[in-house]
């Protein structure tokens, strides 16, 4: 079957190296004599618009960018097509769950010759996600990053700035939710729902999550004193926070979070607003090329 590849890439994501990657990818595909089309997605929503117009003459989709670009591109897909990811974002959380390679030549080789693996996606209301949804503290960080921008702070630096700024003073919020129809009412700092393991470029909130197991990993964190939050933040990075009595994990196919004006959420690192949310797993919904 003749290959024809559609490429979407955000030149302005993360380290801003995407333009260089796109140029090198163009040369690589030209040398292989593979037809391709590249769409620059430097505006919000452009990746979704681009993939919505994909027709079935294309055999592959390559996404160049971070989790935000991946989320947009996947949300525009209207048919089942093998997808490759060439990471160039800030956090690149999702790729920590799959084997794509370590170098640019390896990413290119995986995109062209990698085996196709079925991985899960999730759905929150009417939006697809590939990595996860964060509600409460984690959602507040993303909300603050978008609404309270600090000049000169970007990427990881901006994220950690907002984490440290609100970590001590963030108050628990009342959550009413259900996990596979089991109802709960709890005071929580956060609820993280993951297809993948990691949020925020390095916080392994769902250490047991797997992208191909047909379930979502749910992590809830109840109240911790301000000093214990700072003393234990390293456990969120290495995934050992399950040792804390305020932390609980669940595996679930469906989660419902009731309406709540006190909490904010993110989806794959992008603002999601406030509940209510109906969240579910979409088993094996995406074809992903891996090593």
C-alpha atoms as a PDB file:
ATOM      1  CA  UNK A   1       0.000   0.000   0.000  1.00  0.00           C
ATOM      2  CA  UNK A   2       1.372   3.408  -0.973  1.00  0.00           C
ATOM      3  CA  UNK A   3       2.054   5.575   2.056  1.00  0.00           C
ATOM      4  CA  UNK A   4       0.769   9.137   2.229  1.00  0.00           C
ATOM      5  CA  UNK A   5       1.448  11.014   5.438  1.00  0.00           C
ATOM      6  CA  UNK A   6      -0.352  13.952   7.046  1.00  0.00           C
ATOM      7  CA  UNK A   7       1.753  15.973   9.510  1.00  0.00           C
ATOM      8  CA  UNK A   8       0.581  18.516  12.068  1.00  0.00           C
ATOM      9  CA  UNK A   9       3.027  20.547  14.112  1.00  0.00           C
ATOM     10  CA  UNK A  10       3.004  23.567  16.398  1.00  0.00           C
ATOM     11  CA  UNK A  11       6.153  25.608  15.822  1.00  0.00           C
ATOM     12  CA  UNK A  12       5.602  27.573  19.019  1.00  0.00           C
ATOM     13  CA  UNK A  13       5.113  24.777  21.543  1.00  0.00           C
ATOM     14  CA  UNK A  14       7.547  24.009  24.336  1.00  0.00           C
ATOM     15  CA  UNK A  15      11.177  24.672  23.433  1.00  0.00           C
ATOM     16  CA  UNK A  16      10.243  26.090  20.016  1.00  0.00           C
ATOM     17  CA  UNK A  17      12.369  23.495  18.251  1.00  0.00           C
ATOM     18  CA  UNK A  18       9.393  22.245  16.279  1.00  0.00           C
ATOM     19  CA  UNK A  19      10.259  24.294  13.187  1.00  0.00           C
ATOM     20  CA  UNK A  20      13.633  22.541  12.994  1.00  0.00           C
ATOM     21  CA  UNK A  21      12.007  19.147  13.480  1.00  0.00           C
ATOM     22  CA  UNK A  22       9.466  19.851  10.741  1.00  0.00           C
ATOM     23  CA  UNK A  23      12.230  20.859   8.318  1.00  0.00           C
ATOM     24  CA  UNK A  24      14.214  17.710   9.084  1.00  0.00           C
ATOM     25  CA  UNK A  25      11.094  15.563   8.830  1.00  0.00           C
ATOM     26  CA  UNK A  26      10.328  17.075   5.422  1.00  0.00           C
ATOM     27  CA  UNK A  27      13.817  16.192   4.210  1.00  0.00           C
ATOM     28  CA  UNK A  28      13.529  12.695   5.650  1.00  0.00           C
ATOM     29  CA  UNK A  29      10.208  11.971   3.914  1.00  0.00           C
ATOM     30  CA  UNK A  30      11.379  13.526   0.638  1.00  0.00           C
ATOM     31  CA  UNK A  31      14.470  11.314   0.682  1.00  0.00           C
ATOM     32  CA  UNK A  32      12.197   8.290   1.174  1.00  0.00           C
ATOM     33  CA  UNK A  33       9.989   9.530  -1.698  1.00  0.00           C
ATOM     34  CA  UNK A  34       6.917   9.375   0.514  1.00  0.00           C
ATOM     35  CA  UNK A  35       4.116  11.852  -0.307  1.00  0.00           C
ATOM     36  CA  UNK A  36       3.202  14.077   2.628  1.00  0.00           C
ATOM     37  CA  UNK A  37       1.439  17.258   3.671  1.00  0.00           C
ATOM     38  CA  UNK A  38       2.440  19.443   6.619  1.00  0.00           C
ATOM     39  CA  UNK A  39       0.011  21.784   8.375  1.00  0.00           C
ATOM     40  CA  UNK A  40       1.423  24.353  10.802  1.00  0.00           C
ATOM     41  CA  UNK A  41      -0.821  24.517  13.893  1.00  0.00           C
ATOM     42  CA  UNK A  42       0.447  27.637  15.653  1.00  0.00           C
ATOM     43  CA  UNK A  43      -3.007  28.792  16.796  1.00  0.00           C
ATOM     44  CA  UNK A  44      -5.294  27.201  19.384  1.00  0.00           C
ATOM     45  CA  UNK A  45      -7.626  24.715  17.765  1.00  0.00           C
ATOM     46  CA  UNK A  46      -5.705  24.520  14.478  1.00  0.00           C
ATOM     47  CA  UNK A  47      -4.657  20.884  14.952  1.00  0.00           C
ATOM     48  CA  UNK A  48      -8.288  19.852  15.431  1.00  0.00           C
ATOM     49  CA  UNK A  49      -9.342  21.758  12.315  1.00  0.00           C
ATOM     50  CA  UNK A  50      -6.487  20.169  10.369  1.00  0.00           C
ATOM     51  CA  UNK A  51      -7.245  16.566  11.299  1.00  0.00           C
ATOM     52  CA  UNK A  52     -10.978  17.070  10.767  1.00  0.00           C
ATOM     53  CA  UNK A  53     -10.306  17.583   7.081  1.00  0.00           C
ATOM     54  CA  UNK A  54      -8.225  14.409   6.767  1.00  0.00           C
ATOM     55  CA  UNK A  55      -9.500  12.125   4.044  1.00  0.00           C
ATOM     56  CA  UNK A  56      -8.824   8.435   3.674  1.00  0.00           C
ATOM     57  CA  UNK A  57      -6.206   8.953   0.976  1.00  0.00           C
ATOM     58  CA  UNK A  58      -3.805   9.505   3.905  1.00  0.00           C
ATOM     59  CA  UNK A  59      -2.399   6.350   5.472  1.00  0.00           C
ATOM     60  CA  UNK A  60      -0.656   7.911   8.482  1.00  0.00           C
ATOM     61  CA  UNK A  61      -0.799  10.898  10.824  1.00  0.00           C
ATOM     62  CA  UNK A  62       2.337  12.311  12.430  1.00  0.00           C
ATOM     63  CA  UNK A  63       1.907  14.748  15.331  1.00  0.00           C
ATOM     64  CA  UNK A  64       4.884  16.981  16.131  1.00  0.00           C
ATOM     65  CA  UNK A  65       4.436  18.772  19.450  1.00  0.00           C
ATOM     66  CA  UNK A  66       3.438  18.331  23.063  1.00  0.00           C
ATOM     67  CA  UNK A  67       0.392  17.010  24.865  1.00  0.00           C
ATOM     68  CA  UNK A  68      -1.734  19.994  23.882  1.00  0.00           C
ATOM     69  CA  UNK A  69      -1.104  19.434  20.171  1.00  0.00           C
ATOM     70  CA  UNK A  70      -1.698  15.682  20.541  1.00  0.00           C
ATOM     71  CA  UNK A  71      -5.010  16.371  22.299  1.00  0.00           C
ATOM     72  CA  UNK A  72      -6.180  18.743  19.591  1.00  0.00           C
ATOM     73  CA  UNK A  73      -5.157  16.440  16.754  1.00  0.00           C
ATOM     74  CA  UNK A  74      -6.806  13.361  18.261  1.00  0.00           C
ATOM     75  CA  UNK A  75     -10.019  15.299  18.840  1.00  0.00           C
ATOM     76  CA  UNK A  76     -10.252  16.047  15.131  1.00  0.00           C
ATOM     77  CA  UNK A  77      -9.840  12.479  13.894  1.00  0.00           C
ATOM     78  CA  UNK A  78     -12.894  11.122  12.115  1.00  0.00           C
ATOM     79  CA  UNK A  79     -11.476   7.754  11.041  1.00  0.00           C
ATOM     80  CA  UNK A  80      -9.097   5.118  12.366  1.00  0.00           C
ATOM     81  CA  UNK A  81      -5.561   5.880  11.172  1.00  0.00           C
ATOM     82  CA  UNK A  82      -2.103   4.947  12.525  1.00  0.00           C
ATOM     83  CA  UNK A  83      -0.689   7.862  14.527  1.00  0.00           C
ATOM     84  CA  UNK A  84       2.944   8.677  15.268  1.00  0.00           C
ATOM     85  CA  UNK A  85       4.199  11.194  17.828  1.00  0.00           C
ATOM     86  CA  UNK A  86       7.400  13.198  17.573  1.00  0.00           C
ATOM     87  CA  UNK A  87       7.626  15.005  20.927  1.00  0.00           C
ATOM     88  CA  UNK A  88       8.665  18.638  21.112  1.00  0.00           C
ATOM     89  CA  UNK A  89       6.517  19.993  23.939  1.00  0.00           C
ATOM     90  CA  UNK A  90       7.402  21.115  27.433  1.00  0.00           C
ATOM     91  CA  UNK A  91       6.161  18.241  29.565  1.00  0.00           C
ATOM     92  CA  UNK A  92       5.664  15.453  27.012  1.00  0.00           C
ATOM     93  CA  UNK A  93       3.817  13.457  29.658  1.00  0.00           C
ATOM     94  CA  UNK A  94       2.046  10.928  27.451  1.00  0.00           C
ATOM     95  CA  UNK A  95       5.172   9.627  25.719  1.00  0.00           C
ATOM     96  CA  UNK A  96       6.536   8.493  29.095  1.00  0.00           C
ATOM     97  CA  UNK A  97       4.071   5.594  28.753  1.00  0.00           C
ATOM     98  CA  UNK A  98       5.113   4.318  25.321  1.00  0.00           C
ATOM     99  CA  UNK A  99       8.331   3.353  23.518  1.00  0.00           C
ATOM    100  CA  UNK A 100       8.958   5.808  20.693  1.00  0.00           C
ATOM    101  CA  UNK A 101      12.724   6.148  20.870  1.00  0.00           C
ATOM    102  CA  UNK A 102      15.086   8.636  22.485  1.00  0.00           C
ATOM    103  CA  UNK A 103      16.533  10.605  19.579  1.00  0.00           C
ATOM    104  CA  UNK A 104      15.111  12.394  16.551  1.00  0.00           C
ATOM    105  CA  UNK A 105      16.355   9.732  14.087  1.00  0.00           C
ATOM    106  CA  UNK A 106      14.697   7.069  16.276  1.00  0.00           C
ATOM    107  CA  UNK A 107      11.435   9.039  16.348  1.00  0.00           C
ATOM    108  CA  UNK A 108      11.526   9.286  12.546  1.00  0.00           C
ATOM    109  CA  UNK A 109      12.212   5.571  12.206  1.00  0.00           C
ATOM    110  CA  UNK A 110       9.351   4.715  14.573  1.00  0.00           C
ATOM    111  CA  UNK A 111       7.001   6.990  12.615  1.00  0.00           C
ATOM    112  CA  UNK A 112       7.872   5.189   9.394  1.00  0.00           C
ATOM    113  CA  UNK A 113       8.559   1.619  10.495  1.00  0.00           C
ATOM    114  CA  UNK A 114       7.138   1.230  13.999  1.00  0.00           C
ATOM    115  CA  UNK A 115       4.646  -1.454  14.860  1.00  0.00           C
ATOM    116  CA  UNK A 116       1.050  -0.377  15.324  1.00  0.00           C
ATOM    117  CA  UNK A 117      -0.183  -0.778  18.896  1.00  0.00           C
ATOM    118  CA  UNK A 118      -3.729  -0.217  20.090  1.00  0.00           C
ATOM    119  CA  UNK A 119      -3.850   2.195  23.047  1.00  0.00           C
ATOM    120  CA  UNK A 120      -6.756   3.517  25.067  1.00  0.00           C
ATOM    121  CA  UNK A 121      -8.181   7.007  25.017  1.00  0.00           C
ATOM    122  CA  UNK A 122     -10.502   8.669  27.482  1.00  0.00           C
ATOM    123  CA  UNK A 123     -13.493  10.922  27.062  1.00  0.00           C
ATOM    124  CA  UNK A 124     -14.540  13.769  29.353  1.00  0.00           C
ATOM    125  CA  UNK A 125     -17.993  15.065  28.430  1.00  0.00           C
ATOM    126  CA  UNK A 126     -17.581  15.593  24.685  1.00  0.00           C
ATOM    127  CA  UNK A 127     -13.774  15.878  24.592  1.00  0.00           C
ATOM    128  CA  UNK A 128     -11.270  13.092  23.996  1.00  0.00           C
ATOM    129  CA  UNK A 129      -8.092  12.878  26.080  1.00  0.00           C
ATOM    130  CA  UNK A 130      -5.014  10.714  25.658  1.00  0.00           C
ATOM    131  CA  UNK A 131      -3.241  11.325  28.981  1.00  0.00           C
ATOM    132  CA  UNK A 132      -5.645  12.451  31.678  1.00  0.00           C
ATOM    133  CA  UNK A 133      -7.858  14.883  33.564  1.00  0.00           C
ATOM    134  CA  UNK A 134      -6.804  16.737  36.712  1.00  0.00           C
ATOM    135  CA  UNK A 135      -9.410  18.276  39.027  1.00  0.00           C
ATOM    136  CA  UNK A 136      -8.847  20.476  42.058  1.00  0.00           C
ATOM    137  CA  UNK A 137      -5.287  21.548  42.871  1.00  0.00           C
ATOM    138  CA  UNK A 138      -3.891  20.323  39.564  1.00  0.00           C
ATOM    139  CA  UNK A 139      -6.663  22.039  37.623  1.00  0.00           C
ATOM    140  CA  UNK A 140      -6.123  25.244  39.597  1.00  0.00           C
ATOM    141  CA  UNK A 141      -2.476  25.327  38.533  1.00  0.00           C
ATOM    142  CA  UNK A 142      -3.412  25.179  34.847  1.00  0.00           C
ATOM    143  CA  UNK A 143      -6.160  27.774  35.399  1.00  0.00           C
ATOM    144  CA  UNK A 144      -3.686  30.116  37.092  1.00  0.00           C
ATOM    145  CA  UNK A 145      -1.078  29.583  34.372  1.00  0.00           C
ATOM    146  CA  UNK A 146      -3.637  30.691  31.797  1.00  0.00           C
ATOM    147  CA  UNK A 147      -5.218  33.560  33.738  1.00  0.00           C
ATOM    148  CA  UNK A 148      -2.298  34.839  35.839  1.00  0.00           C
ATOM    149  CA  UNK A 149       0.623  34.745  33.466  1.00  0.00           C
ATOM    150  CA  UNK A 150       3.990  35.788  34.858  1.00  0.00           C
ATOM    151  CA  UNK A 151       6.301  37.521  32.358  1.00  0.00           C
ATOM    152  CA  UNK A 152       9.459  35.563  31.493  1.00  0.00           C
ATOM    153  CA  UNK A 153       8.176  32.347  33.129  1.00  0.00           C
ATOM    154  CA  UNK A 154       7.327  29.566  30.707  1.00  0.00           C
ATOM    155  CA  UNK A 155       7.039  25.794  30.532  1.00  0.00           C
ATOM    156  CA  UNK A 156       8.290  23.857  33.559  1.00  0.00           C
ATOM    157  CA  UNK A 157       9.422  27.022  35.328  1.00  0.00           C
ATOM    158  CA  UNK A 158       5.941  28.555  35.144  1.00  0.00           C
ATOM    159  CA  UNK A 159       4.307  25.302  36.231  1.00  0.00           C
ATOM    160  CA  UNK A 160       6.524  24.835  39.292  1.00  0.00           C
ATOM    161  CA  UNK A 161       6.171  28.502  40.196  1.00  0.00           C
ATOM    162  CA  UNK A 162       2.397  28.128  40.413  1.00  0.00           C
ATOM    163  CA  UNK A 163       2.694  24.797  42.270  1.00  0.00           C
ATOM    164  CA  UNK A 164       4.869  26.358  44.961  1.00  0.00           C
ATOM    165  CA  UNK A 165       2.813  29.560  45.049  1.00  0.00           C
ATOM    166  CA  UNK A 166      -0.473  27.858  45.947  1.00  0.00           C
ATOM    167  CA  UNK A 167       0.670  24.540  47.494  1.00  0.00           C
ATOM    168  CA  UNK A 168       0.662  25.631  51.123  1.00  0.00           C
ATOM    169  CA  UNK A 169      -2.519  27.686  51.057  1.00  0.00           C
ATOM    170  CA  UNK A 170      -4.769  25.617  48.799  1.00  0.00           C
ATOM    171  CA  UNK A 171      -7.804  24.474  50.780  1.00  0.00           C
ATOM    172  CA  UNK A 172      -9.530  21.123  50.421  1.00  0.00           C
ATOM    173  CA  UNK A 173     -12.723  21.253  48.404  1.00  0.00           C
ATOM    174  CA  UNK A 174     -15.904  19.180  48.705  1.00  0.00           C
ATOM    175  CA  UNK A 175     -16.103  16.554  45.960  1.00  0.00           C
ATOM    176  CA  UNK A 176     -19.174  14.519  45.122  1.00  0.00           C
ATOM    177  CA  UNK A 177     -18.351  11.799  42.621  1.00  0.00           C
ATOM    178  CA  UNK A 178     -18.879   8.211  41.592  1.00  0.00           C
ATOM    179  CA  UNK A 179     -16.388   5.586  40.432  1.00  0.00           C
ATOM    180  CA  UNK A 180     -18.090   2.843  38.415  1.00  0.00           C
ATOM    181  CA  UNK A 181     -21.398   3.825  40.095  1.00  0.00           C
ATOM    182  CA  UNK A 182     -19.949   3.711  43.642  1.00  0.00           C
ATOM    183  CA  UNK A 183     -20.742   7.097  45.181  1.00  0.00           C
ATOM    184  CA  UNK A 184     -18.415   9.209  47.352  1.00  0.00           C
ATOM    185  CA  UNK A 185     -18.522  12.547  49.150  1.00  0.00           C
ATOM    186  CA  UNK A 186     -15.087  13.660  50.319  1.00  0.00           C
ATOM    187  CA  UNK A 187     -12.950  16.681  51.046  1.00  0.00           C
ATOM    188  CA  UNK A 188     -10.052  16.527  48.591  1.00  0.00           C
ATOM    189  CA  UNK A 189      -7.062  18.509  47.480  1.00  0.00           C
ATOM    190  CA  UNK A 190      -7.182  16.897  44.079  1.00  0.00           C
ATOM    191  CA  UNK A 191      -8.515  14.101  41.931  1.00  0.00           C
ATOM    192  CA  UNK A 192      -6.392  12.881  39.028  1.00  0.00           C
ATOM    193  CA  UNK A 193      -7.815  10.557  36.396  1.00  0.00           C
ATOM    194  CA  UNK A 194      -5.160   9.045  34.178  1.00  0.00           C
ATOM    195  CA  UNK A 195      -4.830   6.990  31.071  1.00  0.00           C
ATOM    196  CA  UNK A 196      -1.122   7.741  31.457  1.00  0.00           C
ATOM    197  CA  UNK A 197       0.962   7.939  34.616  1.00  0.00           C
ATOM    198  CA  UNK A 198       2.266  11.490  34.680  1.00  0.00           C
ATOM    199  CA  UNK A 199       1.040  15.096  34.834  1.00  0.00           C
ATOM    200  CA  UNK A 200       2.872  18.407  34.900  1.00  0.00           C
ATOM    201  CA  UNK A 201       6.032  17.179  33.224  1.00  0.00           C
ATOM    202  CA  UNK A 202       7.080  14.862  36.039  1.00  0.00           C
ATOM    203  CA  UNK A 203       4.440  14.201  38.696  1.00  0.00           C
ATOM    204  CA  UNK A 204       3.642  10.438  38.636  1.00  0.00           C
ATOM    205  CA  UNK A 205       0.197  10.811  40.147  1.00  0.00           C
ATOM    206  CA  UNK A 206      -1.096   7.533  38.657  1.00  0.00           C
ATOM    207  CA  UNK A 207       1.956   5.246  38.892  1.00  0.00           C
ATOM    208  CA  UNK A 208      -0.004   2.072  38.053  1.00  0.00           C
ATOM    209  CA  UNK A 209      -1.792   3.488  34.997  1.00  0.00           C
ATOM    210  CA  UNK A 210      -1.352   1.702  31.683  1.00  0.00           C
ATOM    211  CA  UNK A 211      -2.394   3.030  28.290  1.00  0.00           C
ATOM    212  CA  UNK A 212      -3.571  -0.368  27.055  1.00  0.00           C
ATOM    213  CA  UNK A 213      -5.371  -1.966  30.019  1.00  0.00           C
ATOM    214  CA  UNK A 214      -8.920  -0.795  29.276  1.00  0.00           C
ATOM    215  CA  UNK A 215      -9.338   1.130  32.537  1.00  0.00           C
ATOM    216  CA  UNK A 216      -8.533   4.545  33.959  1.00  0.00           C
ATOM    217  CA  UNK A 217      -6.469   5.070  37.102  1.00  0.00           C
ATOM    218  CA  UNK A 218      -8.055   7.398  39.663  1.00  0.00           C
ATOM    219  CA  UNK A 219      -5.949   9.064  42.363  1.00  0.00           C
ATOM    220  CA  UNK A 220      -7.535  11.136  45.131  1.00  0.00           C
ATOM    221  CA  UNK A 221      -5.614  13.113  47.733  1.00  0.00           C
ATOM    222  CA  UNK A 222      -7.383  14.276  50.873  1.00  0.00           C
ATOM    223  CA  UNK A 223      -6.234  16.838  53.374  1.00  0.00           C
ATOM    224  CA  UNK A 224      -2.565  17.277  54.211  1.00  0.00           C
ATOM    225  CA  UNK A 225      -1.145  19.995  56.449  1.00  0.00           C
ATOM    226  CA  UNK A 226       0.848  22.667  54.587  1.00  0.00           C
ATOM    227  CA  UNK A 227       4.147  21.388  56.007  1.00  0.00           C
ATOM    228  CA  UNK A 228       3.359  17.798  54.988  1.00  0.00           C
ATOM    229  CA  UNK A 229       2.538  18.946  51.467  1.00  0.00           C
ATOM    230  CA  UNK A 230       6.011  20.403  51.061  1.00  0.00           C
ATOM    231  CA  UNK A 231       7.708  17.491  52.827  1.00  0.00           C
ATOM    232  CA  UNK A 232       5.986  14.939  50.586  1.00  0.00           C
ATOM    233  CA  UNK A 233       5.955  16.668  47.214  1.00  0.00           C
ATOM    234  CA  UNK A 234       8.870  14.467  46.118  1.00  0.00           C
ATOM    235  CA  UNK A 235       6.589  11.439  46.504  1.00  0.00           C
ATOM    236  CA  UNK A 236       4.353  12.836  43.782  1.00  0.00           C
ATOM    237  CA  UNK A 237       7.376  12.929  41.488  1.00  0.00           C
ATOM    238  CA  UNK A 238       8.540   9.372  42.129  1.00  0.00           C
ATOM    239  CA  UNK A 239       5.059   7.869  42.422  1.00  0.00           C
ATOM    240  CA  UNK A 240       5.401   6.730  46.044  1.00  0.00           C
ATOM    241  CA  UNK A 241       2.598   8.933  47.445  1.00  0.00           C
ATOM    242  CA  UNK A 242       0.414   5.845  47.890  1.00  0.00           C
ATOM    243  CA  UNK A 243       2.132   5.437  51.255  1.00  0.00           C
ATOM    244  CA  UNK A 244       0.262   8.512  52.554  1.00  0.00           C
ATOM    245  CA  UNK A 245      -2.982   7.789  54.436  1.00  0.00           C
ATOM    246  CA  UNK A 246      -4.797  10.598  52.612  1.00  0.00           C
ATOM    247  CA  UNK A 247      -4.183   9.017  49.177  1.00  0.00           C
ATOM    248  CA  UNK A 248      -6.494   6.494  47.530  1.00  0.00           C
ATOM    249  CA  UNK A 249      -6.398   4.768  44.146  1.00  0.00           C
ATOM    250  CA  UNK A 250      -9.148   3.202  42.061  1.00  0.00           C
ATOM    251  CA  UNK A 251      -9.361   1.519  38.673  1.00  0.00           C
ATOM    252  CA  UNK A 252     -12.471   2.498  36.755  1.00  0.00           C
ATOM    253  CA  UNK A 253     -14.214   2.510  33.411  1.00  0.00           C
ATOM    254  CA  UNK A 254     -16.535   5.410  34.239  1.00  0.00           C
ATOM    255  CA  UNK A 255     -16.272   8.355  36.630  1.00  0.00           C
ATOM    256  CA  UNK A 256     -18.832  11.056  37.329  1.00  0.00           C
ATOM    257  CA  UNK A 257     -17.932  14.337  39.083  1.00  0.00           C
ATOM    258  CA  UNK A 258     -20.937  16.385  40.115  1.00  0.00           C
ATOM    259  CA  UNK A 259     -21.365  20.100  39.510  1.00  0.00           C
ATOM    260  CA  UNK A 260     -18.996  22.186  41.600  1.00  0.00           C
ATOM    261  CA  UNK A 261     -18.149  25.868  41.162  1.00  0.00           C
ATOM    262  CA  UNK A 262     -15.276  25.661  43.652  1.00  0.00           C
ATOM    263  CA  UNK A 263     -12.939  23.504  41.571  1.00  0.00           C
ATOM    264  CA  UNK A 264     -11.201  23.787  38.215  1.00  0.00           C
ATOM    265  CA  UNK A 265      -9.933  21.084  35.897  1.00  0.00           C
ATOM    266  CA  UNK A 266      -7.510  20.476  33.059  1.00  0.00           C
ATOM    267  CA  UNK A 267      -7.588  17.936  30.264  1.00  0.00           C
ATOM    268  CA  UNK A 268      -4.178  16.888  28.919  1.00  0.00           C
ATOM    269  CA  UNK A 269      -2.740  20.051  30.480  1.00  0.00           C
ATOM    270  CA  UNK A 270      -5.283  22.426  28.917  1.00  0.00           C
ATOM    271  CA  UNK A 271      -8.059  24.309  30.739  1.00  0.00           C
ATOM    272  CA  UNK A 272     -11.264  22.303  31.069  1.00  0.00           C
ATOM    273  CA  UNK A 273     -13.350  24.592  33.259  1.00  0.00           C
ATOM    274  CA  UNK A 274     -15.525  23.256  36.062  1.00  0.00           C
ATOM    275  CA  UNK A 275     -17.629  20.125  36.661  1.00  0.00           C
ATOM    276  CA  UNK A 276     -19.981  18.366  36.086  1.00  0.00           C
ATOM    277  CA  UNK A 277     -17.875  15.817  34.197  1.00  0.00           C
ATOM    278  CA  UNK A 278     -18.739  12.408  32.828  1.00  0.00           C
ATOM    279  CA  UNK A 279     -15.510  10.538  32.141  1.00  0.00           C
ATOM    280  CA  UNK A 280     -15.067   7.139  30.518  1.00  0.00           C
ATOM    281  CA  UNK A 281     -12.414   4.912  28.984  1.00  0.00           C
ATOM    282  CA  UNK A 282     -12.371   4.220  25.243  1.00  0.00           C
ATOM    283  CA  UNK A 283     -10.473   0.908  25.069  1.00  0.00           C
ATOM    284  CA  UNK A 284      -8.073   0.498  22.153  1.00  0.00           C
ATOM    285  CA  UNK A 285      -9.423   3.605  20.439  1.00  0.00           C
ATOM    286  CA  UNK A 286      -6.129   4.808  18.925  1.00  0.00           C
ATOM    287  CA  UNK A 287      -3.598   3.151  16.647  1.00  0.00           C
ATOM    288  CA  UNK A 288      -0.157   4.326  17.790  1.00  0.00           C
ATOM    289  CA  UNK A 289       3.158   3.511  16.143  1.00  0.00           C
ATOM    290  CA  UNK A 290       5.752   2.372  18.677  1.00  0.00           C
ATOM    291  CA  UNK A 291       9.168   0.746  18.599  1.00  0.00           C
END
